[in-house]
Protein backbone atom coordinates (compact mmCIF):
# COMPACT_ATOMS: atom_id res chain seq x y z
CA MET A 1 4.38 -3.79 -11.33
CA THR A 2 2.19 -6.95 -11.98
CA ASP A 3 2.68 -9.40 -14.71
CA SER A 4 -0.67 -8.37 -16.45
CA GLY A 5 0.45 -4.74 -16.25
CA ARG A 6 3.75 -5.74 -18.20
CA SER A 7 1.78 -7.65 -20.73
CA GLN A 8 -0.16 -4.66 -22.00
CA ALA A 9 0.06 -4.09 -25.82
CA VAL A 10 2.99 -1.55 -26.99
CA ASP A 11 1.80 1.66 -28.49
CA GLU A 12 3.20 1.32 -31.83
CA SER A 13 1.72 4.61 -33.05
CA THR A 14 4.56 6.30 -31.30
CA GLU A 15 7.13 5.65 -34.01
CA GLY A 16 9.41 8.56 -34.81
CA THR A 17 7.72 11.10 -32.37
CA ALA A 18 10.31 12.97 -30.20
CA GLY A 19 10.01 12.35 -26.39
CA HIS A 20 7.27 9.84 -26.73
CA ILE A 21 7.67 6.54 -24.92
CA ARG A 22 6.55 3.25 -26.20
CA GLY A 23 6.00 0.83 -23.11
CA TYR A 24 3.57 -1.42 -21.26
CA GLU A 25 1.92 1.32 -19.15
CA PRO A 26 -0.47 4.36 -20.22
CA GLU A 27 1.45 7.32 -21.60
CA ALA A 28 0.92 9.52 -18.56
CA ARG A 29 2.24 7.01 -16.09
CA MET A 30 5.24 6.45 -18.25
CA ARG A 31 6.01 10.12 -18.51
CA ARG A 32 5.89 10.16 -14.86
CA ALA A 33 8.17 7.19 -14.72
CA GLY A 34 10.48 8.98 -17.32
CA LEU A 35 12.94 10.41 -14.63
CA VAL A 36 13.29 7.05 -12.81
CA MET A 37 14.03 5.24 -16.10
CA THR A 38 16.51 7.75 -17.10
CA LEU A 39 18.36 7.29 -13.59
CA VAL A 40 18.27 3.51 -13.99
CA LEU A 41 19.42 3.30 -17.32
CA GLY A 42 22.24 6.05 -16.51
CA GLY A 43 23.46 3.89 -13.65
CA LEU A 44 23.70 0.98 -15.89
CA THR A 45 25.63 2.93 -18.48
CA ALA A 46 27.82 4.46 -15.73
CA LEU A 47 28.96 0.97 -14.47
CA PRO A 48 31.64 0.49 -17.23
CA PRO A 49 33.40 3.72 -16.51
CA LEU A 50 33.08 3.34 -12.86
CA SER A 51 34.69 -0.21 -13.06
CA MET A 52 37.49 1.26 -15.08
CA ASP A 53 38.18 4.73 -13.98
CA MET A 54 38.03 4.40 -10.28
CA TYR A 55 40.68 1.85 -10.64
CA LEU A 56 42.81 4.04 -12.73
CA PRO A 57 44.70 6.08 -9.98
CA ALA A 58 45.77 2.82 -8.31
CA LEU A 59 47.56 1.32 -11.25
CA PRO A 60 50.95 2.28 -10.37
CA GLU A 61 50.19 0.93 -6.87
CA VAL A 62 49.07 -2.34 -8.18
CA THR A 63 52.25 -2.77 -10.22
CA SER A 64 54.25 -2.35 -7.05
CA ALA A 65 52.14 -4.44 -4.96
CA LEU A 66 51.73 -7.34 -7.15
CA GLY A 67 55.43 -7.12 -8.51
CA SER A 68 54.29 -7.01 -12.16
CA PRO A 69 55.45 -4.70 -14.96
CA ALA A 70 53.06 -1.98 -16.06
CA ALA A 71 52.39 -3.59 -19.39
CA THR A 72 50.85 -6.72 -17.42
CA ILE A 73 48.98 -4.57 -15.09
CA GLN A 74 47.38 -2.88 -18.07
CA LEU A 75 46.04 -6.38 -19.05
CA THR A 76 43.72 -6.01 -16.02
CA LEU A 77 41.99 -3.22 -18.22
CA THR A 78 42.05 -5.16 -21.09
CA ALA A 79 40.56 -8.32 -19.47
CA CYS A 80 37.50 -6.28 -18.42
CA LEU A 81 37.18 -4.68 -21.73
CA MET A 82 37.33 -8.04 -23.50
CA GLY A 83 34.87 -9.43 -21.05
CA MET A 84 32.40 -6.63 -21.72
CA ALA A 85 33.03 -7.18 -25.46
CA LEU A 86 32.26 -10.95 -25.46
CA GLY A 87 29.65 -10.68 -22.73
CA GLN A 88 27.39 -8.46 -24.87
CA LEU A 89 27.56 -10.86 -27.77
CA ILE A 90 25.69 -13.53 -25.30
CA VAL A 91 23.38 -11.08 -23.32
CA GLY A 92 22.06 -9.20 -26.41
CA PRO A 93 20.61 -11.93 -27.95
CA MET A 94 19.22 -13.27 -24.89
CA SER A 95 17.28 -10.09 -24.08
CA ASP A 96 15.92 -10.29 -27.58
CA ARG A 97 14.31 -13.64 -26.65
CA TRP A 98 13.60 -13.71 -22.92
CA GLY A 99 13.24 -9.80 -22.48
CA ARG A 100 15.33 -7.40 -20.85
CA ARG A 101 14.87 -7.98 -16.94
CA ARG A 102 15.88 -11.51 -16.30
CA PRO A 103 19.21 -11.40 -18.19
CA LEU A 104 20.00 -8.02 -16.57
CA LEU A 105 19.45 -9.14 -13.08
CA VAL A 106 21.60 -12.39 -13.54
CA GLY A 107 24.30 -10.35 -14.92
CA MET A 108 24.15 -7.91 -12.11
CA VAL A 109 24.52 -10.60 -9.61
CA VAL A 110 27.60 -12.31 -11.12
CA TYR A 111 29.10 -8.73 -11.47
CA VAL A 112 28.95 -8.16 -7.72
CA LEU A 113 30.57 -11.66 -7.19
CA ALA A 114 33.36 -11.16 -9.58
CA THR A 115 33.98 -7.57 -8.12
CA ALA A 116 34.19 -8.91 -4.65
CA ALA A 117 36.70 -11.64 -5.96
CA CYS A 118 38.92 -8.83 -7.51
CA ALA A 119 39.31 -7.40 -4.26
CA VAL A 120 40.85 -10.46 -2.62
CA ALA A 121 42.88 -11.51 -5.64
CA PRO A 122 46.40 -12.44 -4.39
CA THR A 123 48.12 -12.56 -7.83
CA THR A 124 48.27 -10.75 -10.97
CA GLU A 125 46.90 -13.69 -13.00
CA LEU A 126 44.00 -14.04 -10.73
CA LEU A 127 43.15 -10.42 -10.72
CA ILE A 128 43.27 -10.67 -14.65
CA GLY A 129 40.79 -13.70 -14.45
CA CYS A 130 38.55 -11.78 -12.00
CA ARG A 131 38.33 -8.70 -14.22
CA LEU A 132 37.43 -10.82 -17.16
CA ALA A 133 34.69 -12.22 -15.26
CA GLN A 134 33.72 -8.90 -14.04
CA GLY A 135 33.49 -7.54 -17.67
CA LEU A 136 31.40 -10.41 -18.89
CA ALA A 137 28.80 -9.97 -16.18
CA GLY A 138 28.77 -6.13 -16.29
CA ALA A 139 28.16 -6.32 -20.21
CA ALA A 140 24.53 -7.02 -19.35
CA GLY A 141 24.22 -3.46 -18.18
CA ILE A 142 25.74 -1.99 -21.35
CA VAL A 143 23.93 -3.84 -23.74
CA ILE A 144 20.38 -3.80 -22.21
CA ALA A 145 20.48 -0.22 -21.44
CA ARG A 146 20.81 0.56 -25.00
CA ALA A 147 18.15 -1.83 -25.93
CA VAL A 148 15.71 -0.48 -23.68
CA VAL A 149 16.33 2.81 -25.09
CA ARG A 150 15.38 1.47 -28.57
CA ASP A 151 12.41 -0.14 -27.07
CA MET A 152 11.14 3.30 -25.80
CA TYR A 153 12.38 5.73 -28.27
CA ASP A 154 12.93 6.42 -32.04
CA GLY A 155 14.41 8.84 -34.29
CA VAL A 156 15.36 12.40 -32.90
CA ALA A 157 13.90 11.41 -29.51
CA MET A 158 16.43 8.49 -29.03
CA ALA A 159 19.46 10.63 -30.07
CA ARG A 160 18.48 13.07 -27.33
CA PHE A 161 17.94 10.52 -24.60
CA PHE A 162 21.54 9.21 -25.45
CA SER A 163 22.71 12.44 -24.91
CA THR A 164 20.82 12.59 -21.73
CA LEU A 165 22.30 9.32 -20.62
CA MET A 166 25.67 10.69 -21.44
CA LEU A 167 25.16 13.56 -18.69
CA ILE A 168 24.44 10.94 -16.07
CA SER A 169 26.96 8.33 -17.15
CA GLY A 170 29.68 11.08 -17.79
CA VAL A 171 29.42 12.03 -14.11
CA ALA A 172 31.04 8.50 -13.56
CA PRO A 173 34.35 9.19 -14.93
CA VAL A 174 34.36 12.85 -13.36
CA VAL A 175 33.65 11.45 -9.85
CA ALA A 176 35.32 7.93 -10.23
CA PRO A 177 38.95 8.90 -10.26
CA LEU A 178 38.30 11.48 -7.39
CA ILE A 179 36.97 8.65 -5.37
CA GLY A 180 39.63 6.37 -6.44
CA GLY A 181 42.27 8.96 -5.28
CA GLN A 182 40.55 9.38 -1.93
CA ILE A 183 40.05 5.73 -1.24
CA LEU A 184 43.95 5.34 -1.79
CA ARG A 185 44.26 7.96 1.03
CA LEU A 186 42.33 5.61 3.52
CA THR A 187 43.39 2.09 2.23
CA ASP A 188 45.31 0.36 -0.70
CA TRP A 189 43.99 -0.43 -4.09
CA ARG A 190 41.69 -3.42 -2.84
CA GLY A 191 39.47 -0.92 -1.18
CA VAL A 192 38.46 0.39 -4.73
CA PHE A 193 36.82 -3.03 -5.54
CA VAL A 194 35.11 -3.05 -2.16
CA VAL A 195 33.63 0.14 -3.05
CA LEU A 196 32.75 -1.01 -6.40
CA THR A 197 31.02 -4.07 -4.96
CA ALA A 198 28.77 -2.20 -2.81
CA ILE A 199 28.00 0.11 -5.84
CA GLY A 200 27.06 -3.08 -7.75
CA VAL A 201 24.68 -4.38 -4.86
CA LEU A 202 22.89 -1.18 -4.63
CA LEU A 203 22.29 -0.93 -8.52
CA THR A 204 21.11 -4.53 -8.45
CA LEU A 205 18.36 -3.72 -5.96
CA VAL A 206 17.49 -0.64 -7.81
CA VAL A 207 17.15 -2.54 -11.04
CA TRP A 208 15.15 -5.18 -9.16
CA ARG A 209 12.61 -2.71 -7.78
CA ARG A 210 12.28 -0.05 -10.34
CA LEU A 211 13.01 -1.17 -13.92
CA ASP A 212 10.07 -2.72 -15.56
CA GLU A 213 9.89 -5.19 -18.67
CA THR A 214 10.12 -3.03 -21.97
CA LEU A 215 10.11 -5.82 -24.55
CA PRO A 216 6.56 -7.40 -24.81
CA PRO A 217 6.40 -11.07 -25.71
CA ALA A 218 4.80 -10.27 -28.97
CA ARG A 219 8.23 -8.59 -30.00
CA ARG A 220 10.53 -11.29 -28.77
CA GLN A 221 12.70 -13.06 -31.17
CA ASP A 222 12.19 -16.95 -31.31
CA GLY A 223 14.98 -19.51 -32.04
CA GLY A 224 18.26 -20.18 -30.29
CA LEU A 225 21.79 -19.70 -31.23
CA GLY A 226 21.14 -20.20 -35.00
CA GLN A 227 18.42 -17.34 -35.01
CA ALA A 228 20.81 -14.88 -33.08
CA LEU A 229 23.64 -15.67 -35.50
CA ARG A 230 21.37 -15.05 -38.37
CA THR A 231 19.94 -11.83 -37.08
CA MET A 232 23.65 -10.64 -36.39
CA ARG A 233 24.82 -11.66 -39.75
CA GLY A 234 21.76 -9.62 -41.37
CA LEU A 235 22.86 -6.71 -39.43
CA LEU A 236 26.57 -6.78 -40.36
CA ALA A 237 25.12 -7.27 -44.01
CA ASP A 238 23.79 -3.76 -43.55
CA ARG A 239 26.69 -1.64 -44.97
CA VAL A 240 25.43 1.68 -43.32
CA PHE A 241 24.93 -0.15 -39.86
CA THR A 242 28.21 -1.62 -40.06
CA GLY A 243 29.69 1.77 -41.03
CA TYR A 244 28.17 3.50 -37.90
CA MET A 245 29.38 0.50 -35.59
CA LEU A 246 32.83 0.68 -36.63
CA ALA A 247 33.18 4.54 -36.62
CA GLY A 248 31.77 4.33 -33.10
CA GLY A 249 34.26 1.70 -32.17
CA PHE A 250 37.33 3.28 -33.56
CA ALA A 251 36.40 6.60 -31.79
CA PHE A 252 36.07 4.87 -28.60
CA ALA A 253 39.41 2.97 -29.10
CA ALA A 254 41.08 6.62 -29.16
CA LEU A 255 39.26 7.48 -26.03
CA PHE A 256 40.49 4.20 -24.36
CA ALA A 257 44.06 4.80 -25.45
CA TYR A 258 43.84 7.94 -23.27
CA ILE A 259 42.15 5.97 -20.55
CA SER A 260 44.63 3.31 -20.50
CA ALA A 261 47.77 5.43 -20.89
CA SER A 262 46.93 8.58 -18.76
CA PRO A 263 47.73 7.38 -15.31
CA PHE A 264 51.20 6.64 -16.54
CA VAL A 265 51.75 9.84 -18.88
CA VAL A 266 50.37 12.25 -16.23
CA GLN A 267 52.05 10.67 -13.06
CA ASP A 268 55.18 9.12 -14.23
CA ILE A 269 56.06 11.22 -17.44
CA TYR A 270 54.63 14.54 -16.23
CA GLY A 271 55.16 14.03 -12.30
CA ALA A 272 51.90 14.68 -11.34
CA SER A 273 50.17 13.21 -8.25
CA PRO A 274 47.27 10.81 -8.21
CA GLN A 275 45.07 13.45 -7.04
CA THR A 276 46.11 16.01 -9.76
CA PHE A 277 45.76 13.26 -12.43
CA SER A 278 42.12 12.56 -10.74
CA LEU A 279 41.21 16.16 -11.20
CA LEU A 280 42.39 16.44 -14.86
CA PHE A 281 40.58 13.36 -15.71
CA GLY A 282 37.70 14.72 -14.09
CA LEU A 283 37.99 17.98 -16.14
CA ASN A 284 38.37 16.12 -19.55
CA SER A 285 35.09 14.21 -18.50
CA ILE A 286 33.21 17.23 -17.78
CA GLY A 287 34.10 18.63 -21.38
CA LEU A 288 32.72 15.36 -22.62
CA VAL A 289 29.54 15.67 -20.71
CA LEU A 290 29.15 19.50 -21.65
CA VAL A 291 29.42 18.81 -25.36
CA GLY A 292 27.15 15.81 -25.17
CA GLN A 293 24.54 18.13 -23.71
CA ILE A 294 24.97 20.61 -26.39
CA ASN A 295 24.59 17.82 -28.88
CA GLY A 296 21.32 16.75 -27.41
CA LYS A 297 19.74 19.98 -26.34
CA VAL A 298 20.72 22.23 -29.05
CA LEU A 299 22.19 20.58 -32.11
CA VAL A 300 19.77 17.40 -32.26
CA GLY A 301 16.56 18.23 -34.39
CA ARG A 302 18.39 21.50 -35.80
CA VAL A 303 21.47 20.02 -37.48
CA SER A 304 21.66 16.46 -39.10
CA LEU A 305 23.03 13.73 -36.94
CA ASP A 306 25.58 12.93 -39.65
CA LYS A 307 26.69 16.68 -39.90
CA THR A 308 27.34 16.66 -36.14
CA LEU A 309 29.00 13.35 -36.16
CA ALA A 310 31.34 14.49 -38.98
CA VAL A 311 32.38 17.51 -37.12
CA GLY A 312 33.02 15.33 -33.87
CA LEU A 313 35.25 12.93 -35.80
CA ALA A 314 37.24 15.86 -37.44
CA VAL A 315 37.96 17.53 -34.05
CA ILE A 316 39.09 14.17 -32.54
CA THR A 317 41.30 13.69 -35.56
CA LEU A 318 42.85 17.15 -35.39
CA ALA A 319 43.38 16.89 -31.57
CA ALA A 320 45.14 13.52 -31.85
CA GLY A 321 47.41 14.98 -34.42
CA ALA A 322 48.26 17.75 -32.40
CA LEU A 323 49.08 15.39 -29.50
CA LEU A 324 51.43 13.36 -31.66
CA LEU A 325 53.34 16.78 -32.56
CA MET A 326 53.56 17.74 -29.11
CA THR A 327 54.63 14.45 -27.53
CA SER A 328 57.13 13.73 -30.31
CA GLY A 329 59.09 16.62 -29.60
CA VAL A 330 58.35 18.15 -32.94
CA LEU A 331 57.08 21.42 -31.04
CA GLY A 332 60.17 21.35 -28.45
CA GLU A 333 59.78 20.70 -24.86
CA VAL A 334 55.92 20.61 -24.01
CA GLY A 335 54.73 20.63 -20.33
CA LEU A 336 51.74 18.89 -18.88
CA VAL A 337 49.26 22.00 -19.61
CA PRO A 338 49.53 21.90 -23.45
CA VAL A 339 49.14 18.35 -23.48
CA SER A 340 46.27 18.38 -21.08
CA ALA A 341 44.73 20.87 -23.38
CA GLY A 342 44.88 18.67 -26.44
CA LEU A 343 43.50 15.55 -24.27
CA PHE A 344 40.64 17.91 -23.20
CA VAL A 345 39.44 18.81 -26.78
CA LEU A 346 39.80 15.16 -27.84
CA MET A 347 37.65 13.90 -24.89
CA SER A 348 35.15 16.70 -25.36
CA ALA A 349 34.64 15.91 -29.04
CA MET A 350 33.62 12.26 -27.85
CA GLY A 351 30.27 14.22 -26.90
CA LEU A 352 29.48 14.60 -30.59
CA ALA A 353 30.51 11.15 -31.79
CA MET A 354 29.36 8.68 -29.47
CA PRO A 355 25.91 9.36 -28.93
CA ASN A 356 25.05 10.09 -32.61
CA THR A 357 26.86 6.73 -33.93
CA ASN A 358 24.72 4.68 -31.54
CA ALA A 359 21.48 6.44 -32.40
CA GLN A 360 21.99 6.07 -36.19
CA ALA A 361 23.02 2.42 -36.01
CA LEU A 362 20.20 1.54 -33.62
CA MET A 363 17.62 3.26 -35.85
CA ARG A 364 18.34 0.56 -38.72
CA SER A 365 17.61 -2.15 -36.13
CA ARG A 366 14.18 -1.79 -34.50
CA ASP A 367 13.22 -5.54 -34.38
CA ALA A 368 16.47 -6.76 -32.89
CA ALA A 369 17.65 -3.99 -30.43
CA GLY A 370 19.52 -6.37 -28.36
CA SER A 371 21.33 -7.95 -30.93
CA ALA A 372 22.33 -4.68 -32.57
CA SER A 373 23.36 -3.24 -29.18
CA ALA A 374 25.46 -6.30 -28.68
CA LEU A 375 27.32 -5.86 -31.93
CA LEU A 376 27.90 -2.12 -31.15
CA GLY A 377 29.08 -2.73 -27.71
CA THR A 378 31.43 -5.85 -28.64
CA SER A 379 32.87 -3.93 -31.65
CA THR A 380 33.53 -0.90 -29.15
CA PHE A 381 35.05 -2.75 -26.60
CA LEU A 382 37.11 -5.26 -28.67
CA LEU A 383 38.52 -2.25 -30.45
CA GLY A 384 39.41 -0.41 -27.03
CA ALA A 385 40.91 -3.63 -25.66
CA ILE A 386 43.32 -3.74 -28.76
CA ALA A 387 44.34 -0.20 -28.23
CA SER A 388 44.95 -0.51 -24.62
CA PRO A 389 48.25 -2.48 -24.65
CA LEU A 390 49.59 -0.63 -27.76
CA VAL A 391 49.79 2.49 -25.70
CA GLY A 392 52.57 1.20 -23.39
CA ILE A 393 54.40 -0.77 -26.43
CA ALA A 394 57.40 1.66 -25.99
CA GLY A 395 57.59 1.65 -22.16
CA GLU A 396 56.48 4.07 -19.53
CA HIS A 397 58.54 7.07 -20.35
CA THR A 398 56.91 8.29 -23.59
CA ALA A 399 53.60 9.55 -24.59
CA VAL A 400 54.08 8.91 -28.28
CA PRO A 401 52.46 5.43 -28.41
CA MET A 402 49.33 7.07 -26.81
CA ALA A 403 49.15 9.65 -29.45
CA LEU A 404 49.85 7.46 -32.32
CA VAL A 405 47.17 5.11 -31.46
CA GLN A 406 44.79 7.88 -30.95
CA LEU A 407 45.53 9.46 -34.39
CA GLY A 408 45.32 5.97 -36.06
CA CYS A 409 41.97 5.31 -34.62
CA ALA A 410 40.61 8.52 -35.24
CA LEU A 411 41.66 8.35 -38.97
CA ALA A 412 40.16 4.86 -39.27
CA ALA A 413 36.90 6.16 -37.95
CA VAL A 414 36.66 8.79 -40.40
CA VAL A 415 37.38 6.43 -43.12
CA CYS A 416 34.62 3.95 -41.76
CA PHE A 417 32.30 6.92 -41.73
CA VAL A 418 32.97 8.35 -45.19
CA GLY A 419 33.51 5.05 -46.82
CA LEU A 420 30.71 2.89 -45.51
CA CYS A 421 27.98 5.20 -44.30
CA ARG A 422 28.28 7.60 -47.23
CA PRO A 423 25.81 10.25 -45.55
CA TRP A 424 25.83 12.56 -48.72
CA ARG A 425 24.77 9.78 -50.97
CA ARG A 426 21.92 8.78 -48.59
CA ARG A 427 20.82 12.47 -48.16
CA SER A 428 20.75 12.65 -51.95
CA ASP A 429 18.53 9.67 -52.37
CA GLU A 430 16.21 11.13 -49.80
CA LEU A 431 15.97 14.40 -51.77
CA THR A 432 15.22 12.66 -55.13
CA ALA A 433 12.69 9.98 -53.69
């Protein structure tokens, strides 16, 4: 696509129209390009779960190979999350100022280099550092994918597109542990990072060839760091935006408590093999994808986003409470099947919570989608990074910390949604306006 094609005026008349794309090209051509755009953005949003979940079956092996305790090895997950959180604060405002393509391509190249370095890291400390760099660079894909969606869609159409992205990105946690388990049959944990490097190279090439610029120069933000900080401060001053941001962040923290603890819970506590763990993890991810599609294809446009989000948060809280009862022994000796069922319900309900918190928050930030996406992503990954080490605080032989962290995060998400978003009050204001 030529530079002149990218500089065509954006069709601003599409505000609020479901399925209508705002872009640089004529509408018909953009519709034909819709599938390609969905696949590219889906690949970008799938990169974080690929980076995290393909590595999960190897955690016990890494613990033995590098001679470090499980709590230290879990810091490799925390470092990647912290990198993704901090990187988004940098890349988001950059994309508002310079457009989406250039920061994304730079981030993808650095991601490939950092992932290759993970494959040859000789010590735990170096592996943690490389994972931090991997997360910092991988943040570009996360934050810019959300910003591109905000550039293209609005309202109900945006919520539906986020659910569609969940279908694509949800395949990653289904497939990634299975791939990771099979890689461990052929090689050691370093081979996992070799495969991730190859995936990063492929995705970088696809972005370079197929992803056009979606933010025209007329809508880009002027100014440097000071302007970016003022924009973020204005977003955080919006009580409702902050409520959705924190509700989504705490919900993700409950999810990441499971992601971080499940290899040890399933394999060490309940004695399952890496392949069984991968199958159970994939089943839970399928539940998340299916519920996400029900949200996008059935509920969105028929039920308000706030009502759907409230149901999702309620189910997450109930599932976390049930898991705490089972793992603490209140219900007696409980095997892997009931615990897996509770985790399946919790994971599936994320399909109602995550796309709707993103959509509701981004609808309040049309002119600073990159900065808003950065705040959403940073809060999400910071809270997930905090939850990660807490699940192993009592050692490797109890699942109680995992369930306790999940319940605490779920309750915090409910409090933020009810106390800050106050959806019933906004609905009442709309009806009386």
